[in-house]
N, C-alpha and C. Protein backbone atom coordinates (compact mmCIF):
# COMPACT_ATOMS: atom_id res chain seq x y z
N UNK A 1 0.85 -1.17 0.00
CA UNK A 1 0.00 0.00 0.00
C UNK A 1 0.90 1.23 0.00
N UNK A 2 0.57 2.24 -0.76
CA UNK A 2 1.34 3.48 -0.84
C UNK A 2 0.63 4.55 -0.01
N UNK A 3 1.41 5.29 0.75
CA UNK A 3 0.87 6.38 1.57
C UNK A 3 1.61 7.66 1.23
N UNK A 4 0.95 8.76 1.42
CA UNK A 4 1.57 10.07 1.28
C UNK A 4 1.66 10.65 2.68
N UNK A 5 2.88 10.96 3.12
CA UNK A 5 3.05 11.57 4.43
C UNK A 5 3.23 13.06 4.23
N UNK A 6 2.45 13.84 4.95
CA UNK A 6 2.56 15.28 4.82
C UNK A 6 2.24 15.90 6.16
N UNK A 7 3.17 16.67 6.69
CA UNK A 7 2.97 17.38 7.95
C UNK A 7 2.49 16.47 9.07
N UNK A 8 2.99 15.26 9.12
CA UNK A 8 2.66 14.37 10.21
C UNK A 8 1.35 13.63 10.06
N UNK A 9 0.60 13.88 9.00
CA UNK A 9 -0.66 13.18 8.78
C UNK A 9 -0.47 12.15 7.67
N UNK A 10 -1.03 10.98 7.86
CA UNK A 10 -0.96 9.94 6.85
C UNK A 10 -2.27 9.92 6.08
N UNK A 11 -2.16 9.91 4.79
CA UNK A 11 -3.34 9.89 3.94
C UNK A 11 -3.19 8.74 2.96
N UNK A 12 -4.12 7.81 3.00
CA UNK A 12 -4.02 6.66 2.10
C UNK A 12 -4.24 7.12 0.67
N UNK A 13 -3.43 6.58 -0.20
CA UNK A 13 -3.56 6.88 -1.62
C UNK A 13 -3.90 5.58 -2.33
N UNK A 14 -4.88 5.63 -3.19
CA UNK A 14 -5.22 4.46 -4.00
C UNK A 14 -4.05 4.21 -4.94
N UNK A 15 -3.58 2.99 -4.98
CA UNK A 15 -2.44 2.64 -5.83
C UNK A 15 -2.81 2.84 -7.30
N UNK A 16 -2.03 3.63 -7.97
CA UNK A 16 -2.25 3.89 -9.39
C UNK A 16 -1.08 3.31 -10.16
N UNK A 17 -1.35 2.72 -11.27
CA UNK A 17 -0.29 2.09 -12.03
C UNK A 17 0.21 2.96 -13.17
N UNK A 18 -0.33 4.16 -13.32
CA UNK A 18 0.10 4.97 -14.44
C UNK A 18 1.25 5.89 -14.06
N UNK A 19 2.13 6.09 -15.02
CA UNK A 19 3.23 7.02 -14.83
C UNK A 19 2.69 8.40 -14.48
N UNK A 20 1.67 8.84 -15.19
CA UNK A 20 1.13 10.19 -14.99
C UNK A 20 0.68 10.44 -13.57
N UNK A 21 -0.03 9.48 -12.98
CA UNK A 21 -0.50 9.64 -11.60
C UNK A 21 0.67 9.68 -10.63
N UNK A 22 1.66 8.86 -10.86
CA UNK A 22 2.78 8.80 -9.94
C UNK A 22 3.63 10.07 -10.00
N UNK A 23 3.91 10.56 -11.19
CA UNK A 23 4.72 11.78 -11.28
C UNK A 23 3.94 12.97 -10.75
N UNK A 24 2.64 12.99 -10.98
CA UNK A 24 1.81 14.07 -10.46
C UNK A 24 1.80 14.07 -8.93
N UNK A 25 1.70 12.89 -8.32
CA UNK A 25 1.71 12.80 -6.86
C UNK A 25 3.06 13.23 -6.28
N UNK A 26 4.13 12.83 -6.92
CA UNK A 26 5.45 13.28 -6.47
C UNK A 26 5.57 14.79 -6.58
N UNK A 27 5.15 15.31 -7.72
CA UNK A 27 5.23 16.76 -7.95
C UNK A 27 4.43 17.51 -6.88
N UNK A 28 3.22 17.06 -6.62
CA UNK A 28 2.36 17.74 -5.65
C UNK A 28 2.85 17.55 -4.22
N UNK A 29 3.47 16.41 -3.92
CA UNK A 29 4.00 16.17 -2.58
C UNK A 29 5.03 17.24 -2.21
N UNK A 30 5.79 17.67 -3.21
CA UNK A 30 6.81 18.71 -2.97
C UNK A 30 6.30 20.10 -3.35
N UNK A 31 5.01 20.21 -3.61
CA UNK A 31 4.36 21.48 -3.95
C UNK A 31 5.01 22.15 -5.16
N UNK A 32 5.31 21.34 -6.16
CA UNK A 32 5.89 21.85 -7.39
C UNK A 32 4.80 21.99 -8.44
N UNK A 33 4.91 23.01 -9.25
CA UNK A 33 4.00 23.18 -10.38
C UNK A 33 4.54 22.39 -11.57
N UNK A 34 3.71 22.23 -12.58
CA UNK A 34 4.20 21.59 -13.79
C UNK A 34 5.35 22.39 -14.39
N UNK A 35 5.23 23.71 -14.32
CA UNK A 35 6.29 24.57 -14.85
C UNK A 35 7.59 24.37 -14.07
N UNK A 36 7.49 24.21 -12.74
CA UNK A 36 8.69 23.95 -11.93
C UNK A 36 9.39 22.68 -12.42
N UNK A 37 8.64 21.62 -12.57
CA UNK A 37 9.23 20.34 -12.99
C UNK A 37 9.86 20.50 -14.36
N UNK A 38 9.15 21.19 -15.24
CA UNK A 38 9.69 21.42 -16.58
C UNK A 38 11.00 22.20 -16.50
N UNK A 39 11.01 23.28 -15.76
CA UNK A 39 12.18 24.15 -15.69
C UNK A 39 13.36 23.47 -15.01
N UNK A 40 13.10 22.80 -13.90
CA UNK A 40 14.19 22.24 -13.10
C UNK A 40 14.69 20.91 -13.60
N UNK A 41 13.82 20.14 -14.29
CA UNK A 41 14.19 18.76 -14.57
C UNK A 41 14.22 18.39 -16.03
N UNK A 42 13.13 18.59 -16.73
CA UNK A 42 13.05 18.00 -18.06
C UNK A 42 13.35 18.97 -19.20
N UNK A 43 13.36 20.26 -18.92
CA UNK A 43 13.65 21.26 -19.95
C UNK A 43 12.85 21.03 -21.23
N UNK A 44 11.59 20.76 -21.03
CA UNK A 44 10.68 20.55 -22.15
C UNK A 44 9.52 21.51 -21.99
N UNK A 45 8.65 21.51 -22.97
CA UNK A 45 7.49 22.38 -22.87
C UNK A 45 6.56 21.85 -21.79
N UNK A 46 5.81 22.75 -21.20
CA UNK A 46 4.87 22.38 -20.15
C UNK A 46 3.84 21.39 -20.69
N UNK A 47 3.57 21.47 -21.96
CA UNK A 47 2.59 20.55 -22.53
C UNK A 47 3.06 19.11 -22.45
N UNK A 48 4.38 18.88 -22.45
CA UNK A 48 4.89 17.50 -22.34
C UNK A 48 4.50 16.92 -20.99
N UNK A 49 4.69 17.67 -19.91
CA UNK A 49 4.33 17.18 -18.59
C UNK A 49 2.82 17.01 -18.46
N UNK A 50 2.06 17.93 -19.00
CA UNK A 50 0.60 17.81 -19.01
C UNK A 50 0.19 16.53 -19.74
N UNK A 51 0.82 16.29 -20.86
CA UNK A 51 0.58 15.09 -21.66
C UNK A 51 0.90 13.83 -20.84
N UNK A 52 2.05 13.82 -20.16
CA UNK A 52 2.45 12.66 -19.35
C UNK A 52 1.50 12.45 -18.18
N UNK A 53 1.18 13.55 -17.47
CA UNK A 53 0.32 13.43 -16.29
C UNK A 53 -1.09 12.99 -16.64
N UNK A 54 -1.54 13.32 -17.82
CA UNK A 54 -2.89 12.92 -18.22
C UNK A 54 -2.93 11.48 -18.73
N UNK A 55 -1.78 10.83 -18.75
CA UNK A 55 -1.73 9.42 -19.15
C UNK A 55 -1.68 9.20 -20.65
N UNK A 56 -1.41 10.25 -21.41
CA UNK A 56 -1.38 10.12 -22.86
C UNK A 56 -0.03 9.67 -23.40
N UNK A 57 0.96 9.56 -22.51
CA UNK A 57 2.28 9.12 -22.95
C UNK A 57 3.23 9.09 -21.77
N UNK A 58 4.44 8.68 -22.04
CA UNK A 58 5.50 8.67 -21.04
C UNK A 58 6.73 9.33 -21.65
N UNK A 59 7.61 9.82 -20.79
CA UNK A 59 8.82 10.47 -21.33
C UNK A 59 9.78 9.44 -21.92
N UNK A 60 10.71 9.94 -22.69
CA UNK A 60 11.78 9.09 -23.22
C UNK A 60 12.72 8.70 -22.09
N UNK A 61 13.66 7.85 -22.42
CA UNK A 61 14.59 7.29 -21.42
C UNK A 61 15.35 8.38 -20.66
N UNK A 62 15.82 9.40 -21.34
CA UNK A 62 16.62 10.44 -20.69
C UNK A 62 15.79 11.20 -19.65
N UNK A 63 14.59 11.62 -20.02
CA UNK A 63 13.74 12.35 -19.08
C UNK A 63 13.23 11.46 -17.96
N UNK A 64 12.93 10.22 -18.27
CA UNK A 64 12.48 9.27 -17.25
C UNK A 64 13.58 9.08 -16.21
N UNK A 65 14.81 8.88 -16.67
CA UNK A 65 15.94 8.72 -15.75
C UNK A 65 16.16 9.98 -14.92
N UNK A 66 16.05 11.12 -15.56
CA UNK A 66 16.22 12.40 -14.86
C UNK A 66 15.19 12.57 -13.74
N UNK A 67 13.94 12.25 -14.03
CA UNK A 67 12.88 12.35 -13.03
C UNK A 67 13.11 11.36 -11.88
N UNK A 68 13.46 10.13 -12.21
CA UNK A 68 13.71 9.11 -11.19
C UNK A 68 14.90 9.51 -10.31
N UNK A 69 15.97 9.99 -10.93
CA UNK A 69 17.15 10.41 -10.17
C UNK A 69 16.84 11.59 -9.26
N UNK A 70 16.05 12.53 -9.73
CA UNK A 70 15.71 13.69 -8.92
C UNK A 70 14.91 13.28 -7.68
N UNK A 71 13.88 12.45 -7.87
CA UNK A 71 13.00 12.07 -6.78
C UNK A 71 13.49 10.85 -5.99
N UNK A 72 14.53 10.20 -6.45
CA UNK A 72 15.07 9.05 -5.72
C UNK A 72 14.24 7.79 -5.81
N UNK A 73 13.40 7.71 -6.83
CA UNK A 73 12.55 6.54 -7.00
C UNK A 73 13.06 5.72 -8.18
N UNK A 74 12.56 4.49 -8.29
CA UNK A 74 12.97 3.64 -9.39
C UNK A 74 12.16 3.97 -10.64
N UNK A 75 12.76 3.75 -11.79
CA UNK A 75 12.02 3.95 -13.04
C UNK A 75 10.88 2.94 -13.14
N UNK A 76 11.10 1.73 -12.64
CA UNK A 76 10.03 0.73 -12.66
C UNK A 76 8.83 1.19 -11.84
N UNK A 77 9.07 1.81 -10.70
CA UNK A 77 7.96 2.32 -9.88
C UNK A 77 7.24 3.44 -10.63
N UNK A 78 8.01 4.36 -11.21
CA UNK A 78 7.40 5.46 -11.96
C UNK A 78 6.51 4.93 -13.09
N UNK A 79 6.97 3.88 -13.74
CA UNK A 79 6.22 3.33 -14.88
C UNK A 79 5.10 2.39 -14.46
N UNK A 80 4.93 2.17 -13.15
CA UNK A 80 3.87 1.31 -12.67
C UNK A 80 4.20 -0.17 -12.78
N UNK A 81 5.48 -0.50 -12.91
CA UNK A 81 5.89 -1.90 -13.06
C UNK A 81 6.34 -2.51 -11.73
N UNK A 82 6.31 -1.71 -10.64
CA UNK A 82 6.75 -2.19 -9.35
C UNK A 82 6.02 -1.44 -8.24
N UNK A 83 5.83 -2.11 -7.13
CA UNK A 83 5.26 -1.46 -5.95
C UNK A 83 6.35 -0.87 -5.06
N UNK A 84 7.60 -1.13 -5.38
CA UNK A 84 8.72 -0.64 -4.58
C UNK A 84 9.21 0.68 -5.17
N UNK A 85 8.98 1.74 -4.42
CA UNK A 85 9.36 3.07 -4.91
C UNK A 85 10.85 3.34 -4.73
N UNK A 86 11.41 2.94 -3.59
CA UNK A 86 12.79 3.27 -3.26
C UNK A 86 13.63 2.00 -3.15
N UNK A 87 14.80 2.08 -3.75
CA UNK A 87 15.81 1.04 -3.58
C UNK A 87 17.10 1.75 -3.20
N UNK A 88 18.05 1.00 -2.70
CA UNK A 88 19.35 1.60 -2.36
C UNK A 88 19.94 2.29 -3.60
N UNK A 89 19.86 1.64 -4.75
CA UNK A 89 20.39 2.23 -5.98
C UNK A 89 19.69 3.53 -6.37
N UNK A 90 18.36 3.54 -6.30
CA UNK A 90 17.62 4.75 -6.71
C UNK A 90 17.92 5.92 -5.78
N UNK A 91 18.09 5.64 -4.50
CA UNK A 91 18.39 6.70 -3.54
C UNK A 91 19.82 7.20 -3.71
N UNK A 92 20.75 6.31 -3.93
CA UNK A 92 22.15 6.72 -4.16
C UNK A 92 22.23 7.61 -5.40
N UNK A 93 21.48 7.27 -6.45
CA UNK A 93 21.47 8.12 -7.65
C UNK A 93 20.91 9.51 -7.34
N UNK A 94 19.89 9.60 -6.49
CA UNK A 94 19.33 10.89 -6.09
C UNK A 94 20.35 11.67 -5.26
N UNK A 95 21.04 10.98 -4.37
CA UNK A 95 22.06 11.65 -3.54
C UNK A 95 23.18 12.18 -4.43
N UNK A 96 23.60 11.39 -5.38
CA UNK A 96 24.64 11.84 -6.31
C UNK A 96 24.16 13.04 -7.12
N UNK A 97 22.91 13.01 -7.56
CA UNK A 97 22.33 14.13 -8.29
C UNK A 97 22.33 15.39 -7.43
N UNK A 98 21.99 15.24 -6.15
CA UNK A 98 21.99 16.39 -5.23
C UNK A 98 23.40 16.94 -5.06
N UNK A 99 24.36 16.07 -4.85
CA UNK A 99 25.74 16.53 -4.67
C UNK A 99 26.23 17.29 -5.89
N UNK A 100 25.93 16.76 -7.08
CA UNK A 100 26.33 17.43 -8.33
C UNK A 100 25.69 18.81 -8.44
N UNK A 101 24.39 18.89 -8.19
CA UNK A 101 23.69 20.17 -8.30
C UNK A 101 24.24 21.19 -7.30
N UNK A 102 24.52 20.75 -6.09
CA UNK A 102 25.02 21.66 -5.06
C UNK A 102 26.42 22.13 -5.41
N UNK A 103 27.27 21.26 -5.92
CA UNK A 103 28.61 21.66 -6.37
C UNK A 103 28.51 22.72 -7.45
N UNK A 104 27.65 22.50 -8.44
CA UNK A 104 27.46 23.48 -9.52
C UNK A 104 26.94 24.80 -8.96
N UNK A 105 25.96 24.72 -8.07
CA UNK A 105 25.35 25.92 -7.49
C UNK A 105 26.39 26.73 -6.71
N UNK A 106 27.15 26.07 -5.84
CA UNK A 106 28.12 26.80 -5.02
C UNK A 106 29.29 27.32 -5.85
N UNK A 107 29.60 26.67 -6.95
CA UNK A 107 30.65 27.16 -7.83
C UNK A 107 30.26 28.52 -8.41
N UNK A 108 28.99 28.68 -8.74
CA UNK A 108 28.50 29.92 -9.33
C UNK A 108 28.17 30.97 -8.27
N UNK A 109 27.50 30.56 -7.18
CA UNK A 109 26.97 31.51 -6.20
C UNK A 109 27.81 31.70 -4.96
N UNK A 110 28.78 30.86 -4.74
CA UNK A 110 29.68 30.95 -3.60
C UNK A 110 29.00 30.82 -2.24
N UNK A 111 27.70 30.55 -2.21
CA UNK A 111 27.01 30.32 -0.95
C UNK A 111 25.87 29.35 -1.20
N UNK A 112 25.39 28.77 -0.12
CA UNK A 112 24.30 27.82 -0.22
C UNK A 112 23.51 27.89 1.07
N UNK A 113 22.21 28.11 0.98
CA UNK A 113 21.37 28.34 2.16
C UNK A 113 21.46 27.20 3.16
N UNK A 114 21.64 25.99 2.67
CA UNK A 114 21.66 24.83 3.56
C UNK A 114 23.07 24.27 3.72
N UNK A 115 24.08 25.15 3.59
CA UNK A 115 25.46 24.67 3.61
C UNK A 115 25.79 23.93 4.91
N UNK A 116 25.34 24.45 6.06
CA UNK A 116 25.63 23.78 7.33
C UNK A 116 24.98 22.39 7.38
N UNK A 117 23.74 22.28 6.89
CA UNK A 117 23.08 20.99 6.86
C UNK A 117 23.74 20.06 5.84
N UNK A 118 24.13 20.61 4.71
CA UNK A 118 24.79 19.81 3.69
C UNK A 118 26.12 19.26 4.21
N UNK A 119 26.89 20.10 4.89
CA UNK A 119 28.17 19.65 5.46
C UNK A 119 27.94 18.58 6.53
N UNK A 120 26.90 18.76 7.35
CA UNK A 120 26.53 17.76 8.34
C UNK A 120 26.17 16.45 7.65
N UNK A 121 25.42 16.56 6.57
CA UNK A 121 25.00 15.40 5.80
C UNK A 121 26.21 14.66 5.23
N UNK A 122 27.13 15.38 4.62
CA UNK A 122 28.32 14.76 4.02
C UNK A 122 29.20 14.14 5.11
N UNK A 123 29.41 14.87 6.19
CA UNK A 123 30.25 14.38 7.28
C UNK A 123 29.69 13.10 7.89
N UNK A 124 28.38 13.03 8.03
CA UNK A 124 27.73 11.88 8.68
C UNK A 124 27.08 10.93 7.69
N UNK A 125 27.48 11.00 6.43
CA UNK A 125 26.79 10.24 5.40
C UNK A 125 26.73 8.74 5.70
N UNK A 126 27.81 8.15 6.15
CA UNK A 126 27.80 6.70 6.39
C UNK A 126 26.83 6.34 7.52
N UNK A 127 26.76 7.17 8.55
CA UNK A 127 25.79 6.94 9.63
C UNK A 127 24.37 7.14 9.12
N UNK A 128 24.16 8.18 8.34
CA UNK A 128 22.83 8.45 7.78
C UNK A 128 22.42 7.29 6.88
N UNK A 129 23.34 6.83 6.08
CA UNK A 129 23.05 5.72 5.17
C UNK A 129 22.63 4.47 5.93
N UNK A 130 23.23 4.26 7.09
CA UNK A 130 22.93 3.08 7.90
C UNK A 130 21.64 3.26 8.72
N UNK A 131 21.40 4.47 9.23
CA UNK A 131 20.32 4.68 10.20
C UNK A 131 19.02 5.23 9.61
N UNK A 132 19.09 5.95 8.50
CA UNK A 132 17.90 6.58 7.93
C UNK A 132 17.23 5.64 6.95
N UNK A 133 15.92 5.72 6.86
CA UNK A 133 15.18 4.92 5.88
C UNK A 133 15.51 5.42 4.48
N UNK A 134 15.26 4.57 3.50
CA UNK A 134 15.45 4.98 2.11
C UNK A 134 14.57 6.18 1.78
N UNK A 135 13.34 6.19 2.29
CA UNK A 135 12.43 7.30 2.03
C UNK A 135 12.98 8.61 2.60
N UNK A 136 13.53 8.57 3.80
CA UNK A 136 14.11 9.78 4.40
C UNK A 136 15.30 10.26 3.60
N UNK A 137 16.16 9.33 3.19
CA UNK A 137 17.33 9.71 2.40
C UNK A 137 16.93 10.31 1.05
N UNK A 138 15.92 9.72 0.40
CA UNK A 138 15.45 10.28 -0.86
C UNK A 138 14.88 11.68 -0.64
N UNK A 139 14.13 11.85 0.45
CA UNK A 139 13.54 13.14 0.77
C UNK A 139 14.63 14.20 0.98
N UNK A 140 15.69 13.84 1.67
CA UNK A 140 16.81 14.76 1.88
C UNK A 140 17.41 15.17 0.54
N UNK A 141 17.64 14.20 -0.33
CA UNK A 141 18.24 14.50 -1.64
C UNK A 141 17.35 15.43 -2.45
N UNK A 142 16.05 15.19 -2.46
CA UNK A 142 15.13 16.06 -3.21
C UNK A 142 15.15 17.47 -2.63
N UNK A 143 15.06 17.59 -1.32
CA UNK A 143 15.03 18.92 -0.69
C UNK A 143 16.33 19.68 -0.93
N UNK A 144 17.48 18.99 -0.86
CA UNK A 144 18.75 19.66 -1.15
C UNK A 144 18.77 20.18 -2.58
N UNK A 145 18.25 19.39 -3.52
CA UNK A 145 18.21 19.83 -4.91
C UNK A 145 17.28 21.03 -5.08
N UNK A 146 16.13 20.99 -4.42
CA UNK A 146 15.18 22.10 -4.54
C UNK A 146 15.75 23.40 -3.97
N UNK A 147 16.49 23.29 -2.88
CA UNK A 147 17.09 24.48 -2.27
C UNK A 147 18.17 25.06 -3.17
N UNK A 148 18.81 24.22 -3.98
CA UNK A 148 19.90 24.69 -4.84
C UNK A 148 19.43 25.26 -6.18
N UNK A 149 18.12 25.37 -6.36
CA UNK A 149 17.59 25.90 -7.62
C UNK A 149 17.90 27.39 -7.72
N UNK A 150 18.39 27.80 -8.88
CA UNK A 150 18.70 29.20 -9.12
C UNK A 150 17.48 29.89 -9.70
N UNK A 151 16.89 30.77 -8.93
CA UNK A 151 15.73 31.51 -9.39
C UNK A 151 15.47 32.62 -8.39
N UNK A 152 15.23 33.80 -8.86
CA UNK A 152 15.06 34.95 -7.97
C UNK A 152 13.60 35.28 -7.67
N UNK A 153 12.66 34.50 -8.19
CA UNK A 153 11.26 34.79 -7.96
C UNK A 153 10.95 34.70 -6.47
N UNK A 154 10.19 35.70 -5.97
CA UNK A 154 9.89 35.78 -4.55
C UNK A 154 9.17 34.53 -4.04
N UNK A 155 8.23 34.02 -4.81
CA UNK A 155 7.48 32.84 -4.38
C UNK A 155 8.40 31.65 -4.20
N UNK A 156 9.38 31.51 -5.08
CA UNK A 156 10.32 30.41 -4.97
C UNK A 156 11.22 30.60 -3.75
N UNK A 157 11.58 31.84 -3.47
CA UNK A 157 12.40 32.10 -2.28
C UNK A 157 11.66 31.70 -1.01
N UNK A 158 10.36 31.97 -0.96
CA UNK A 158 9.55 31.56 0.20
C UNK A 158 9.47 30.04 0.30
N UNK A 159 9.33 29.38 -0.83
CA UNK A 159 9.29 27.93 -0.82
C UNK A 159 10.65 27.35 -0.42
N UNK A 160 11.74 28.00 -0.81
CA UNK A 160 13.07 27.54 -0.40
C UNK A 160 13.20 27.57 1.12
N UNK A 161 12.66 28.59 1.74
CA UNK A 161 12.69 28.69 3.21
C UNK A 161 11.92 27.52 3.81
N UNK A 162 10.75 27.22 3.24
CA UNK A 162 9.95 26.10 3.73
C UNK A 162 10.69 24.78 3.52
N UNK A 163 11.33 24.60 2.36
CA UNK A 163 12.08 23.37 2.09
C UNK A 163 13.24 23.22 3.08
N UNK A 164 13.89 24.34 3.39
CA UNK A 164 15.00 24.32 4.35
C UNK A 164 14.49 23.89 5.73
N UNK A 165 13.34 24.38 6.14
CA UNK A 165 12.76 23.98 7.42
C UNK A 165 12.40 22.50 7.42
N UNK A 166 11.91 22.00 6.30
CA UNK A 166 11.58 20.57 6.20
C UNK A 166 12.86 19.73 6.33
N UNK A 167 13.93 20.20 5.70
CA UNK A 167 15.20 19.49 5.78
C UNK A 167 15.71 19.46 7.23
N UNK A 168 15.59 20.59 7.92
CA UNK A 168 16.00 20.63 9.33
C UNK A 168 15.18 19.65 10.16
N UNK A 169 13.89 19.55 9.87
CA UNK A 169 13.01 18.63 10.59
C UNK A 169 13.43 17.18 10.37
N UNK A 170 13.80 16.84 9.16
CA UNK A 170 14.26 15.46 8.89
C UNK A 170 15.51 15.16 9.70
N UNK A 171 16.46 16.10 9.74
CA UNK A 171 17.69 15.86 10.49
C UNK A 171 17.42 15.80 12.00
N UNK A 172 16.40 16.51 12.44
CA UNK A 172 16.04 16.51 13.86
C UNK A 172 15.35 15.20 14.26
N UNK A 173 14.52 14.66 13.36
CA UNK A 173 13.66 13.54 13.74
C UNK A 173 13.87 12.26 12.95
N UNK A 174 14.62 12.32 11.84
CA UNK A 174 14.78 11.18 10.93
C UNK A 174 13.43 10.74 10.38
N UNK A 175 12.53 11.67 10.19
CA UNK A 175 11.22 11.37 9.62
C UNK A 175 11.04 12.17 8.34
N UNK A 176 10.63 11.51 7.25
CA UNK A 176 10.37 12.24 6.01
C UNK A 176 9.18 13.18 6.17
N UNK A 177 9.23 14.31 5.51
CA UNK A 177 8.15 15.28 5.58
C UNK A 177 7.20 15.11 4.41
N UNK A 178 7.70 15.16 3.21
CA UNK A 178 6.90 14.94 2.01
C UNK A 178 7.52 13.78 1.27
N UNK A 179 6.87 12.65 1.28
CA UNK A 179 7.50 11.52 0.63
C UNK A 179 6.48 10.41 0.37
N UNK A 180 6.65 9.72 -0.70
CA UNK A 180 5.88 8.51 -0.95
C UNK A 180 6.69 7.35 -0.46
N UNK A 181 6.11 6.52 0.37
CA UNK A 181 6.87 5.37 0.84
C UNK A 181 5.98 4.15 0.92
N UNK A 182 6.60 3.01 0.71
CA UNK A 182 5.87 1.76 0.78
C UNK A 182 5.84 1.31 2.23
N UNK A 183 4.67 0.90 2.70
CA UNK A 183 4.56 0.33 4.04
C UNK A 183 3.77 -0.96 3.96
N UNK A 184 3.96 -1.82 4.93
CA UNK A 184 3.22 -3.08 4.95
C UNK A 184 1.78 -2.81 5.32
N UNK A 185 0.87 -3.51 4.67
CA UNK A 185 -0.54 -3.34 5.01
C UNK A 185 -1.03 -4.48 5.88
């Protein structure tokens, strides 16, 4: 059974096997618009994401991999071929994606809002890898990537503050804030 955890409340989600439903739920879990996903991840027209979310098609291999790496989920789960959203491999790919994005961001901007948390994360990575759930680790990777987005829009700056607070909460409690995770029924 798949659940959506948000702000400490569990809400059962009917299992959907379509790529469109799954990517839409991930996007909404992180409060991203279709335009956000397009801009940050797939660099395609917004109509492509609308097309995918409505179930009229799926992305090509490059965009599918990019989406899976960003959210830390498996491509099989995104495509509805598996009930397992997170694997060690899918989460490691998301963590690597986050590290790459943060390196690029700090190279250009010389600062990073979550630098202290990022350094804590890197320093304690082996402990985090051993003690944190795959869902929590994927959530950390997604939030780090979202915080490293370059954009001066005021609304995005407010969301960055919220994402930073969510990241602090995960490090405080080892509990994912916005995440899809598989649990036993």
